[in-house]
């Protein structure tokens, strides 16, 4: 099965589920299910574990962890999940390009240094010898932020995708394969990326990627129908998230927040602190500005979609993704 076929299969499955999205989401019956990632420590987890969300919203929340943003899209399409925290923009773009009606509601986190590809150390390949990747086997979680970053890096280094043996693996699987020598390069984020770095090296740093225009950020996302039906509930959720981010921005709160966040993320406090140090959590005002939800987010999504189309990973991009960004709930939360 080819690289494109595997991704298109996931896209098709998501699109088929999208038709059921509205009816199922509407029947959440006084409780909602929210998706998030393990080994991805964020301030919202302090609010999650201390009951801040339920207290503000008056609603029972079921929290479910996922391995990839593509799985989050499928769960929202089926109606099993109403909100996804920190879904990557590339899997969001893949889903919406396929016809799934989702919206970005906030900028959950920006993390240029925490999403990357790692080349096996014994190959001794770096940015000056990236052409030597031709013929190598690469583990990539298709349709994710790591996939987008991988495509842009290969484009930058003029490495043809046809010259690579690309396999679809979640970050944890890719890390295991890299450590065992089963693949030559693996791409991922969070704890898996941290462990990958024990087996090799990156080609470009976060700063170098940003300079090339390879942005890396996640968003809180939801089906458009759910936002329309439960706008006040969504605003309350975003308000609590913003409150937790503001708490974390004050370093005097780290001592009480870090142990809670680390435990919920399934990490040691040291590893959680190391990961969090590479994260940026924009304020509500910053998110509502032109750099993010006020314009650039939709433009960036279009750029991601065009890259995927050029790489043959999706069939077509939307003319615009402006309708997939909804700043109204966050504005109301402010």
C-alpha atoms as a PDB file:
ATOM      1  CA  UNK A   1       0.000   0.000   0.000  1.00  0.00           C
ATOM      2  CA  UNK A   2       1.442   3.364  -0.963  1.00  0.00           C
ATOM      3  CA  UNK A   3       2.006   6.409   1.251  1.00  0.00           C
ATOM      4  CA  UNK A   4      -0.811   8.309  -0.484  1.00  0.00           C
ATOM      5  CA  UNK A   5      -3.208   5.350  -0.407  1.00  0.00           C
ATOM      6  CA  UNK A   6      -2.845   4.921   3.358  1.00  0.00           C
ATOM      7  CA  UNK A   7      -3.514   8.577   4.095  1.00  0.00           C
ATOM      8  CA  UNK A   8      -6.371   8.786   1.621  1.00  0.00           C
ATOM      9  CA  UNK A   9      -7.921   5.718   3.252  1.00  0.00           C
ATOM     10  CA  UNK A  10      -7.925   7.511   6.596  1.00  0.00           C
ATOM     11  CA  UNK A  11      -9.351  10.634   4.963  1.00  0.00           C
ATOM     12  CA  UNK A  12     -12.133   8.647   3.283  1.00  0.00           C
ATOM     13  CA  UNK A  13     -13.083   6.936   6.540  1.00  0.00           C
ATOM     14  CA  UNK A  14     -13.278  10.278   8.306  1.00  0.00           C
ATOM     15  CA  UNK A  15     -15.387  11.772   5.537  1.00  0.00           C
ATOM     16  CA  UNK A  16     -17.817   8.849   5.668  1.00  0.00           C
ATOM     17  CA  UNK A  17     -18.258   9.344   9.409  1.00  0.00           C
ATOM     18  CA  UNK A  18     -18.788  13.081   9.063  1.00  0.00           C
ATOM     19  CA  UNK A  19     -22.407  12.670   8.001  1.00  0.00           C
ATOM     20  CA  UNK A  20     -23.333  11.245  11.411  1.00  0.00           C
ATOM     21  CA  UNK A  21     -21.517  13.983  13.275  1.00  0.00           C
ATOM     22  CA  UNK A  22     -24.351  16.429  13.990  1.00  0.00           C
ATOM     23  CA  UNK A  23     -26.981  13.944  15.091  1.00  0.00           C
ATOM     24  CA  UNK A  24     -24.746  12.115  17.546  1.00  0.00           C
ATOM     25  CA  UNK A  25     -23.139  15.223  19.021  1.00  0.00           C
ATOM     26  CA  UNK A  26     -26.542  16.673  19.768  1.00  0.00           C
ATOM     27  CA  UNK A  27     -27.354  13.720  21.979  1.00  0.00           C
ATOM     28  CA  UNK A  28     -24.593  14.159  24.567  1.00  0.00           C
ATOM     29  CA  UNK A  29     -27.213  14.339  27.318  1.00  0.00           C
ATOM     30  CA  UNK A  30     -25.726  16.664  29.914  1.00  0.00           C
ATOM     31  CA  UNK A  31     -22.173  15.363  29.628  1.00  0.00           C
ATOM     32  CA  UNK A  32     -19.470  15.700  27.018  1.00  0.00           C
ATOM     33  CA  UNK A  33     -16.346  13.827  26.006  1.00  0.00           C
ATOM     34  CA  UNK A  34     -13.091  15.703  25.469  1.00  0.00           C
ATOM     35  CA  UNK A  35     -10.027  14.305  23.682  1.00  0.00           C
ATOM     36  CA  UNK A  36      -6.426  15.021  24.697  1.00  0.00           C
ATOM     37  CA  UNK A  37      -2.918  13.535  24.409  1.00  0.00           C
ATOM     38  CA  UNK A  38      -0.851  11.708  27.003  1.00  0.00           C
ATOM     39  CA  UNK A  39       2.815  12.717  27.355  1.00  0.00           C
ATOM     40  CA  UNK A  40       1.774  16.189  26.218  1.00  0.00           C
ATOM     41  CA  UNK A  41       1.793  18.260  29.430  1.00  0.00           C
ATOM     42  CA  UNK A  42      -0.301  21.433  29.386  1.00  0.00           C
ATOM     43  CA  UNK A  43      -1.796  23.787  31.995  1.00  0.00           C
ATOM     44  CA  UNK A  44      -5.358  22.681  31.163  1.00  0.00           C
ATOM     45  CA  UNK A  45      -4.551  19.372  32.866  1.00  0.00           C
ATOM     46  CA  UNK A  46      -4.336  21.131  36.221  1.00  0.00           C
ATOM     47  CA  UNK A  47      -7.853  22.430  35.627  1.00  0.00           C
ATOM     48  CA  UNK A  48      -8.912  18.975  34.409  1.00  0.00           C
ATOM     49  CA  UNK A  49      -7.671  17.225  37.547  1.00  0.00           C
ATOM     50  CA  UNK A  50      -8.862  19.826  40.068  1.00  0.00           C
ATOM     51  CA  UNK A  51     -12.425  20.021  38.760  1.00  0.00           C
ATOM     52  CA  UNK A  52     -12.223  23.575  37.428  1.00  0.00           C
ATOM     53  CA  UNK A  53     -14.012  22.696  34.189  1.00  0.00           C
ATOM     54  CA  UNK A  54     -16.965  20.934  35.804  1.00  0.00           C
ATOM     55  CA  UNK A  55     -17.345  23.706  38.369  1.00  0.00           C
ATOM     56  CA  UNK A  56     -17.482  26.417  35.703  1.00  0.00           C
ATOM     57  CA  UNK A  57     -19.568  24.475  33.184  1.00  0.00           C
ATOM     58  CA  UNK A  58     -21.892  22.465  35.410  1.00  0.00           C
ATOM     59  CA  UNK A  59     -21.372  19.528  33.065  1.00  0.00           C
ATOM     60  CA  UNK A  60     -19.768  16.122  33.525  1.00  0.00           C
ATOM     61  CA  UNK A  61     -16.705  15.713  31.314  1.00  0.00           C
ATOM     62  CA  UNK A  62     -15.356  12.372  30.139  1.00  0.00           C
ATOM     63  CA  UNK A  63     -11.690  12.711  29.184  1.00  0.00           C
ATOM     64  CA  UNK A  64     -10.275  10.286  26.606  1.00  0.00           C
ATOM     65  CA  UNK A  65      -6.647  10.146  25.462  1.00  0.00           C
ATOM     66  CA  UNK A  66      -5.637   9.640  21.815  1.00  0.00           C
ATOM     67  CA  UNK A  67      -2.386   8.856  19.979  1.00  0.00           C
ATOM     68  CA  UNK A  68      -2.889  11.130  16.954  1.00  0.00           C
ATOM     69  CA  UNK A  69      -4.920  14.086  15.749  1.00  0.00           C
ATOM     70  CA  UNK A  70      -6.325  11.978  12.914  1.00  0.00           C
ATOM     71  CA  UNK A  71      -7.908   9.681  15.500  1.00  0.00           C
ATOM     72  CA  UNK A  72      -9.393  12.764  17.171  1.00  0.00           C
ATOM     73  CA  UNK A  73     -10.982  13.787  13.862  1.00  0.00           C
ATOM     74  CA  UNK A  74     -12.540  10.344  13.448  1.00  0.00           C
ATOM     75  CA  UNK A  75     -13.900  10.416  17.001  1.00  0.00           C
ATOM     76  CA  UNK A  76     -15.458  13.841  16.441  1.00  0.00           C
ATOM     77  CA  UNK A  77     -16.921  12.638  13.145  1.00  0.00           C
ATOM     78  CA  UNK A  78     -18.594   9.666  14.843  1.00  0.00           C
ATOM     79  CA  UNK A  79     -19.932  11.865  17.644  1.00  0.00           C
ATOM     80  CA  UNK A  80     -17.924  10.058  20.317  1.00  0.00           C
ATOM     81  CA  UNK A  81     -15.973  13.258  21.097  1.00  0.00           C
ATOM     82  CA  UNK A  82     -17.330  16.809  21.293  1.00  0.00           C
ATOM     83  CA  UNK A  83     -14.090  18.761  21.880  1.00  0.00           C
ATOM     84  CA  UNK A  84     -10.440  18.002  21.140  1.00  0.00           C
ATOM     85  CA  UNK A  85      -7.688  19.790  23.055  1.00  0.00           C
ATOM     86  CA  UNK A  86      -4.415  20.383  21.217  1.00  0.00           C
ATOM     87  CA  UNK A  87      -5.328  18.808  17.888  1.00  0.00           C
ATOM     88  CA  UNK A  88      -2.599  19.466  15.351  1.00  0.00           C
ATOM     89  CA  UNK A  89      -3.460  21.784  12.483  1.00  0.00           C
ATOM     90  CA  UNK A  90      -2.388  19.313   9.744  1.00  0.00           C
ATOM     91  CA  UNK A  91      -4.791  16.531  10.829  1.00  0.00           C
ATOM     92  CA  UNK A  92      -7.489  19.198  11.203  1.00  0.00           C
ATOM     93  CA  UNK A  93      -6.786  20.352   7.638  1.00  0.00           C
ATOM     94  CA  UNK A  94      -6.844  16.778   6.325  1.00  0.00           C
ATOM     95  CA  UNK A  95     -10.272  16.207   7.879  1.00  0.00           C
ATOM     96  CA  UNK A  96     -11.819  19.503   6.775  1.00  0.00           C
ATOM     97  CA  UNK A  97     -10.398  19.124   3.273  1.00  0.00           C
ATOM     98  CA  UNK A  98     -12.224  15.801   3.090  1.00  0.00           C
ATOM     99  CA  UNK A  99     -15.496  17.485   4.016  1.00  0.00           C
ATOM    100  CA  UNK A 100     -15.637  17.140   7.789  1.00  0.00           C
ATOM    101  CA  UNK A 101     -17.239  20.258   9.314  1.00  0.00           C
ATOM    102  CA  UNK A 102     -14.884  21.231  12.162  1.00  0.00           C
ATOM    103  CA  UNK A 103     -13.809  24.542  13.664  1.00  0.00           C
ATOM    104  CA  UNK A 104     -10.673  25.832  15.372  1.00  0.00           C
ATOM    105  CA  UNK A 105     -11.703  27.557  18.614  1.00  0.00           C
ATOM    106  CA  UNK A 106      -8.413  28.600  20.191  1.00  0.00           C
ATOM    107  CA  UNK A 107      -4.643  28.295  19.866  1.00  0.00           C
ATOM    108  CA  UNK A 108      -3.850  25.582  22.388  1.00  0.00           C
ATOM    109  CA  UNK A 109      -0.063  25.715  22.146  1.00  0.00           C
ATOM    110  CA  UNK A 110       2.809  26.702  19.861  1.00  0.00           C
ATOM    111  CA  UNK A 111       5.764  24.301  19.920  1.00  0.00           C
ATOM    112  CA  UNK A 112       8.342  24.564  17.161  1.00  0.00           C
ATOM    113  CA  UNK A 113      10.930  22.701  19.276  1.00  0.00           C
ATOM    114  CA  UNK A 114       8.623  19.868  20.276  1.00  0.00           C
ATOM    115  CA  UNK A 115       7.666  18.393  16.918  1.00  0.00           C
ATOM    116  CA  UNK A 116      10.399  17.099  14.660  1.00  0.00           C
ATOM    117  CA  UNK A 117      12.056  14.230  12.811  1.00  0.00           C
ATOM    118  CA  UNK A 118      15.078  12.351  14.152  1.00  0.00           C
ATOM    119  CA  UNK A 119      17.680  10.552  12.020  1.00  0.00           C
ATOM    120  CA  UNK A 120      19.368   7.438  13.441  1.00  0.00           C
ATOM    121  CA  UNK A 121      22.743   8.432  14.915  1.00  0.00           C
ATOM    122  CA  UNK A 122      24.854   5.764  13.190  1.00  0.00           C
ATOM    123  CA  UNK A 123      23.876   7.136   9.764  1.00  0.00           C
ATOM    124  CA  UNK A 124      25.652  10.417  10.608  1.00  0.00           C
ATOM    125  CA  UNK A 125      23.256  12.419   8.433  1.00  0.00           C
ATOM    126  CA  UNK A 126      22.702  16.085   9.254  1.00  0.00           C
ATOM    127  CA  UNK A 127      21.383  19.150   7.440  1.00  0.00           C
ATOM    128  CA  UNK A 128      24.548  19.299   5.322  1.00  0.00           C
ATOM    129  CA  UNK A 129      24.182  15.702   4.126  1.00  0.00           C
ATOM    130  CA  UNK A 130      20.373  15.331   4.043  1.00  0.00           C
ATOM    131  CA  UNK A 131      20.538  14.097   0.426  1.00  0.00           C
ATOM    132  CA  UNK A 132      21.813  10.796   1.868  1.00  0.00           C
ATOM    133  CA  UNK A 133      18.280  10.123   3.141  1.00  0.00           C
ATOM    134  CA  UNK A 134      17.343   8.850  -0.335  1.00  0.00           C
ATOM    135  CA  UNK A 135      16.486   5.170  -0.108  1.00  0.00           C
ATOM    136  CA  UNK A 136      15.947   5.288   3.647  1.00  0.00           C
ATOM    137  CA  UNK A 137      12.930   4.088   5.656  1.00  0.00           C
ATOM    138  CA  UNK A 138      11.006   6.760   7.562  1.00  0.00           C
ATOM    139  CA  UNK A 139       8.275   6.432  10.211  1.00  0.00           C
ATOM    140  CA  UNK A 140       5.735   9.261   9.897  1.00  0.00           C
ATOM    141  CA  UNK A 141       2.339   9.660  11.644  1.00  0.00           C
ATOM    142  CA  UNK A 142       0.357  10.537   8.525  1.00  0.00           C
ATOM    143  CA  UNK A 143      -1.888  13.593   8.487  1.00  0.00           C
ATOM    144  CA  UNK A 144      -0.343  15.137  11.602  1.00  0.00           C
ATOM    145  CA  UNK A 145       1.778  18.188  12.393  1.00  0.00           C
ATOM    146  CA  UNK A 146       4.839  15.923  12.272  1.00  0.00           C
ATOM    147  CA  UNK A 147       3.821  14.785   8.771  1.00  0.00           C
ATOM    148  CA  UNK A 148       3.519  18.375   7.570  1.00  0.00           C
ATOM    149  CA  UNK A 149       6.897  19.269   9.087  1.00  0.00           C
ATOM    150  CA  UNK A 150       8.449  16.198   7.479  1.00  0.00           C
ATOM    151  CA  UNK A 151       7.102  17.165   4.039  1.00  0.00           C
ATOM    152  CA  UNK A 152       8.375  20.732   4.372  1.00  0.00           C
ATOM    153  CA  UNK A 153      11.812  19.581   5.514  1.00  0.00           C
ATOM    154  CA  UNK A 154      12.134  17.122   2.645  1.00  0.00           C
ATOM    155  CA  UNK A 155      11.061  19.902   0.275  1.00  0.00           C
ATOM    156  CA  UNK A 156      13.694  22.202   1.776  1.00  0.00           C
ATOM    157  CA  UNK A 157      16.429  19.575   1.375  1.00  0.00           C
ATOM    158  CA  UNK A 158      15.251  18.558  -2.117  1.00  0.00           C
ATOM    159  CA  UNK A 159      14.758  14.948  -1.038  1.00  0.00           C
ATOM    160  CA  UNK A 160      12.160  13.277  -3.269  1.00  0.00           C
ATOM    161  CA  UNK A 161       9.359  11.507  -1.400  1.00  0.00           C
ATOM    162  CA  UNK A 162       9.471   8.790  -4.058  1.00  0.00           C
ATOM    163  CA  UNK A 163      13.019   8.003  -2.967  1.00  0.00           C
ATOM    164  CA  UNK A 164      11.894   7.189   0.587  1.00  0.00           C
ATOM    165  CA  UNK A 165      10.160   4.158   2.101  1.00  0.00           C
ATOM    166  CA  UNK A 166       7.522   5.947   4.211  1.00  0.00           C
ATOM    167  CA  UNK A 167       5.557   3.966   6.802  1.00  0.00           C
ATOM    168  CA  UNK A 168       2.629   5.256   8.855  1.00  0.00           C
ATOM    169  CA  UNK A 169       3.458   4.973  12.567  1.00  0.00           C
ATOM    170  CA  UNK A 170       2.230   6.816  15.645  1.00  0.00           C
ATOM    171  CA  UNK A 171       5.118   8.618  17.418  1.00  0.00           C
ATOM    172  CA  UNK A 172       5.549   5.965  20.130  1.00  0.00           C
ATOM    173  CA  UNK A 173       5.710   3.216  17.497  1.00  0.00           C
ATOM    174  CA  UNK A 174       8.144   5.237  15.415  1.00  0.00           C
ATOM    175  CA  UNK A 175      10.380   5.798  18.445  1.00  0.00           C
ATOM    176  CA  UNK A 176      10.490   2.062  19.165  1.00  0.00           C
ATOM    177  CA  UNK A 177      11.290   1.279  15.527  1.00  0.00           C
ATOM    178  CA  UNK A 178      14.043   3.904  15.472  1.00  0.00           C
ATOM    179  CA  UNK A 179      15.654   2.598  18.665  1.00  0.00           C
ATOM    180  CA  UNK A 180      15.595  -0.947  17.249  1.00  0.00           C
ATOM    181  CA  UNK A 181      17.104   0.137  13.935  1.00  0.00           C
ATOM    182  CA  UNK A 182      13.964  -0.866  12.026  1.00  0.00           C
ATOM    183  CA  UNK A 183      13.667   2.619  10.496  1.00  0.00           C
ATOM    184  CA  UNK A 184      16.275   5.212   9.595  1.00  0.00           C
ATOM    185  CA  UNK A 185      14.280   8.278  10.609  1.00  0.00           C
ATOM    186  CA  UNK A 186      11.170   8.813  12.712  1.00  0.00           C
ATOM    187  CA  UNK A 187       8.937  11.840  13.229  1.00  0.00           C
ATOM    188  CA  UNK A 188       6.849  12.728  16.255  1.00  0.00           C
ATOM    189  CA  UNK A 189       6.315  14.977  19.239  1.00  0.00           C
ATOM    190  CA  UNK A 190       6.223  15.098  23.036  1.00  0.00           C
ATOM    191  CA  UNK A 191       7.585  12.198  25.056  1.00  0.00           C
ATOM    192  CA  UNK A 192       8.136  10.052  21.971  1.00  0.00           C
ATOM    193  CA  UNK A 193      10.284  12.769  20.371  1.00  0.00           C
ATOM    194  CA  UNK A 194      12.264  13.193  23.577  1.00  0.00           C
ATOM    195  CA  UNK A 195      13.064   9.468  23.568  1.00  0.00           C
ATOM    196  CA  UNK A 196      13.842   9.526  19.825  1.00  0.00           C
ATOM    197  CA  UNK A 197      16.587  12.045  20.528  1.00  0.00           C
ATOM    198  CA  UNK A 198      18.370   9.318  22.485  1.00  0.00           C
ATOM    199  CA  UNK A 199      18.761   7.412  19.213  1.00  0.00           C
ATOM    200  CA  UNK A 200      19.718  10.188  16.824  1.00  0.00           C
ATOM    201  CA  UNK A 201      19.648  13.826  15.788  1.00  0.00           C
ATOM    202  CA  UNK A 202      17.321  16.364  14.163  1.00  0.00           C
ATOM    203  CA  UNK A 203      18.043  17.945  10.804  1.00  0.00           C
ATOM    204  CA  UNK A 204      16.671  21.385  11.746  1.00  0.00           C
ATOM    205  CA  UNK A 205      16.112  23.064  15.100  1.00  0.00           C
ATOM    206  CA  UNK A 206      12.808  24.667  16.033  1.00  0.00           C
ATOM    207  CA  UNK A 207      14.207  28.111  15.310  1.00  0.00           C
ATOM    208  CA  UNK A 208      15.492  26.990  11.907  1.00  0.00           C
ATOM    209  CA  UNK A 209      12.100  25.492  11.045  1.00  0.00           C
ATOM    210  CA  UNK A 210      10.279  28.653  12.096  1.00  0.00           C
ATOM    211  CA  UNK A 211      12.638  30.724   9.949  1.00  0.00           C
ATOM    212  CA  UNK A 212      11.623  28.556   6.979  1.00  0.00           C
ATOM    213  CA  UNK A 213       7.945  29.144   7.749  1.00  0.00           C
ATOM    214  CA  UNK A 214       7.320  25.693   9.227  1.00  0.00           C
ATOM    215  CA  UNK A 215       4.966  26.764  12.009  1.00  0.00           C
ATOM    216  CA  UNK A 216       3.888  24.233  14.586  1.00  0.00           C
ATOM    217  CA  UNK A 217       0.797  24.813  16.695  1.00  0.00           C
ATOM    218  CA  UNK A 218      -2.251  22.981  17.969  1.00  0.00           C
ATOM    219  CA  UNK A 219      -5.808  24.128  18.539  1.00  0.00           C
ATOM    220  CA  UNK A 220      -8.885  23.268  20.532  1.00  0.00           C
ATOM    221  CA  UNK A 221     -11.314  22.011  17.892  1.00  0.00           C
ATOM    222  CA  UNK A 222     -14.925  20.848  17.705  1.00  0.00           C
ATOM    223  CA  UNK A 223     -17.646  19.917  15.218  1.00  0.00           C
ATOM    224  CA  UNK A 224     -19.353  23.050  13.888  1.00  0.00           C
ATOM    225  CA  UNK A 225     -22.754  21.647  14.843  1.00  0.00           C
ATOM    226  CA  UNK A 226     -21.721  21.199  18.479  1.00  0.00           C
ATOM    227  CA  UNK A 227     -20.383  24.764  18.697  1.00  0.00           C
ATOM    228  CA  UNK A 228     -23.613  26.102  17.213  1.00  0.00           C
ATOM    229  CA  UNK A 229     -25.744  24.145  19.686  1.00  0.00           C
ATOM    230  CA  UNK A 230     -23.589  24.621  22.781  1.00  0.00           C
ATOM    231  CA  UNK A 231     -21.856  27.968  22.262  1.00  0.00           C
ATOM    232  CA  UNK A 232     -22.078  29.001  25.918  1.00  0.00           C
ATOM    233  CA  UNK A 233     -20.674  25.674  27.102  1.00  0.00           C
ATOM    234  CA  UNK A 234     -17.797  25.945  24.629  1.00  0.00           C
ATOM    235  CA  UNK A 235     -17.015  29.501  25.784  1.00  0.00           C
ATOM    236  CA  UNK A 236     -16.955  28.320  29.397  1.00  0.00           C
ATOM    237  CA  UNK A 237     -14.545  25.538  28.481  1.00  0.00           C
ATOM    238  CA  UNK A 238     -12.226  27.958  26.681  1.00  0.00           C
ATOM    239  CA  UNK A 239     -12.395  30.402  29.598  1.00  0.00           C
ATOM    240  CA  UNK A 240     -11.183  27.726  32.032  1.00  0.00           C
ATOM    241  CA  UNK A 241      -8.379  26.754  29.650  1.00  0.00           C
ATOM    242  CA  UNK A 242      -7.311  30.415  29.439  1.00  0.00           C
ATOM    243  CA  UNK A 243      -7.427  30.692  33.226  1.00  0.00           C
ATOM    244  CA  UNK A 244      -5.148  27.655  33.588  1.00  0.00           C
ATOM    245  CA  UNK A 245      -2.732  29.098  31.008  1.00  0.00           C
ATOM    246  CA  UNK A 246      -2.649  32.406  32.887  1.00  0.00           C
ATOM    247  CA  UNK A 247      -1.923  30.545  36.117  1.00  0.00           C
ATOM    248  CA  UNK A 248       0.998  28.722  34.496  1.00  0.00           C
ATOM    249  CA  UNK A 249       2.359  31.991  33.121  1.00  0.00           C
ATOM    250  CA  UNK A 250       2.966  32.993  36.768  1.00  0.00           C
ATOM    251  CA  UNK A 251       6.003  30.932  37.803  1.00  0.00           C
ATOM    252  CA  UNK A 252       4.943  31.094  41.443  1.00  0.00           C
ATOM    253  CA  UNK A 253       2.223  28.569  40.521  1.00  0.00           C
ATOM    254  CA  UNK A 254       4.584  26.012  38.997  1.00  0.00           C
ATOM    255  CA  UNK A 255       5.273  24.213  42.264  1.00  0.00           C
ATOM    256  CA  UNK A 256       1.613  23.344  42.809  1.00  0.00           C
ATOM    257  CA  UNK A 257       0.671  22.838  39.152  1.00  0.00           C
ATOM    258  CA  UNK A 258       3.590  20.784  37.806  1.00  0.00           C
ATOM    259  CA  UNK A 259       3.051  17.630  39.916  1.00  0.00           C
ATOM    260  CA  UNK A 260      -0.621  17.516  38.899  1.00  0.00           C
ATOM    261  CA  UNK A 261       0.118  18.119  35.217  1.00  0.00           C
ATOM    262  CA  UNK A 262       2.956  15.579  35.126  1.00  0.00           C
ATOM    263  CA  UNK A 263       0.886  12.845  36.783  1.00  0.00           C
ATOM    264  CA  UNK A 264      -2.029  13.363  34.408  1.00  0.00           C
ATOM    265  CA  UNK A 265       0.323  13.385  31.406  1.00  0.00           C
ATOM    266  CA  UNK A 266       1.910  10.117  32.538  1.00  0.00           C
ATOM    267  CA  UNK A 267       5.359  11.717  32.887  1.00  0.00           C
ATOM    268  CA  UNK A 268       7.960  12.429  35.519  1.00  0.00           C
ATOM    269  CA  UNK A 269       7.982  15.991  36.799  1.00  0.00           C
ATOM    270  CA  UNK A 270      11.423  16.481  35.262  1.00  0.00           C
ATOM    271  CA  UNK A 271      10.317  15.346  31.818  1.00  0.00           C
ATOM    272  CA  UNK A 272       7.086  17.334  32.020  1.00  0.00           C
ATOM    273  CA  UNK A 273       8.980  20.487  32.998  1.00  0.00           C
ATOM    274  CA  UNK A 274      11.438  19.935  30.149  1.00  0.00           C
ATOM    275  CA  UNK A 275       8.608  19.584  27.634  1.00  0.00           C
ATOM    276  CA  UNK A 276       6.667  22.564  29.001  1.00  0.00           C
ATOM    277  CA  UNK A 277       9.773  24.732  28.685  1.00  0.00           C
ATOM    278  CA  UNK A 278       9.509  24.359  24.896  1.00  0.00           C
ATOM    279  CA  UNK A 279       5.802  25.310  24.808  1.00  0.00           C
ATOM    280  CA  UNK A 280       4.264  28.752  24.304  1.00  0.00           C
ATOM    281  CA  UNK A 281       0.653  29.398  25.360  1.00  0.00           C
ATOM    282  CA  UNK A 282      -0.595  32.596  23.687  1.00  0.00           C
ATOM    283  CA  UNK A 283      -2.880  34.819  25.746  1.00  0.00           C
ATOM    284  CA  UNK A 284      -6.502  35.285  24.695  1.00  0.00           C
ATOM    285  CA  UNK A 285      -5.709  38.750  23.325  1.00  0.00           C
ATOM    286  CA  UNK A 286      -2.798  37.343  21.327  1.00  0.00           C
ATOM    287  CA  UNK A 287      -4.958  34.513  19.978  1.00  0.00           C
ATOM    288  CA  UNK A 288      -7.648  36.937  18.836  1.00  0.00           C
ATOM    289  CA  UNK A 289      -5.074  39.101  17.031  1.00  0.00           C
ATOM    290  CA  UNK A 290      -4.164  38.955  13.358  1.00  0.00           C
ATOM    291  CA  UNK A 291      -1.213  36.601  13.945  1.00  0.00           C
ATOM    292  CA  UNK A 292      -3.565  33.817  14.971  1.00  0.00           C
ATOM    293  CA  UNK A 293      -7.371  33.545  14.824  1.00  0.00           C
ATOM    294  CA  UNK A 294      -7.765  37.071  13.452  1.00  0.00           C
ATOM    295  CA  UNK A 295      -6.482  36.013  10.044  1.00  0.00           C
ATOM    296  CA  UNK A 296      -3.198  34.118   9.879  1.00  0.00           C
ATOM    297  CA  UNK A 297      -4.554  30.781  11.142  1.00  0.00           C
ATOM    298  CA  UNK A 298      -6.857  30.324   8.150  1.00  0.00           C
ATOM    299  CA  UNK A 299      -4.095  31.426   5.777  1.00  0.00           C
ATOM    300  CA  UNK A 300      -1.691  28.931   7.349  1.00  0.00           C
ATOM    301  CA  UNK A 301      -4.261  26.128   7.002  1.00  0.00           C
ATOM    302  CA  UNK A 302      -4.542  26.851   3.305  1.00  0.00           C
ATOM    303  CA  UNK A 303      -0.756  26.636   3.045  1.00  0.00           C
ATOM    304  CA  UNK A 304      -0.722  23.270   4.832  1.00  0.00           C
ATOM    305  CA  UNK A 305      -3.455  21.937   2.535  1.00  0.00           C
ATOM    306  CA  UNK A 306      -1.606  23.102  -0.585  1.00  0.00           C
ATOM    307  CA  UNK A 307       1.561  21.321   0.598  1.00  0.00           C
ATOM    308  CA  UNK A 308      -0.408  18.101   1.125  1.00  0.00           C
ATOM    309  CA  UNK A 309      -1.968  18.403  -2.334  1.00  0.00           C
ATOM    310  CA  UNK A 310       1.439  18.990  -3.940  1.00  0.00           C
ATOM    311  CA  UNK A 311       2.808  15.931  -2.118  1.00  0.00           C
ATOM    312  CA  UNK A 312      -0.115  13.826  -3.368  1.00  0.00           C
ATOM    313  CA  UNK A 313      -1.294  13.186   0.198  1.00  0.00           C
ATOM    314  CA  UNK A 314      -4.791  14.618  -0.305  1.00  0.00           C
ATOM    315  CA  UNK A 315      -6.738  15.121  -3.521  1.00  0.00           C
ATOM    316  CA  UNK A 316      -7.722  18.754  -3.137  1.00  0.00           C
ATOM    317  CA  UNK A 317      -7.635  21.756  -0.822  1.00  0.00           C
ATOM    318  CA  UNK A 318     -10.527  24.033   0.010  1.00  0.00           C
ATOM    319  CA  UNK A 319     -10.493  27.461  -1.578  1.00  0.00           C
ATOM    320  CA  UNK A 320     -10.436  28.955   1.935  1.00  0.00           C
ATOM    321  CA  UNK A 321     -10.419  27.695   5.527  1.00  0.00           C
ATOM    322  CA  UNK A 322     -11.848  30.895   7.005  1.00  0.00           C
ATOM    323  CA  UNK A 323     -15.123  29.126   7.824  1.00  0.00           C
ATOM    324  CA  UNK A 324     -13.156  26.584   9.840  1.00  0.00           C
ATOM    325  CA  UNK A 325     -11.962  29.230  12.303  1.00  0.00           C
ATOM    326  CA  UNK A 326     -14.483  30.492  14.851  1.00  0.00           C
ATOM    327  CA  UNK A 327     -13.189  33.108  17.274  1.00  0.00           C
ATOM    328  CA  UNK A 328     -16.632  33.967  18.660  1.00  0.00           C
ATOM    329  CA  UNK A 329     -16.592  31.494  21.601  1.00  0.00           C
ATOM    330  CA  UNK A 330     -13.140  32.690  22.674  1.00  0.00           C
ATOM    331  CA  UNK A 331     -14.247  36.320  22.341  1.00  0.00           C
ATOM    332  CA  UNK A 332     -17.225  35.529  24.558  1.00  0.00           C
ATOM    333  CA  UNK A 333     -14.926  33.764  27.025  1.00  0.00           C
ATOM    334  CA  UNK A 334     -12.825  36.906  27.290  1.00  0.00           C
END
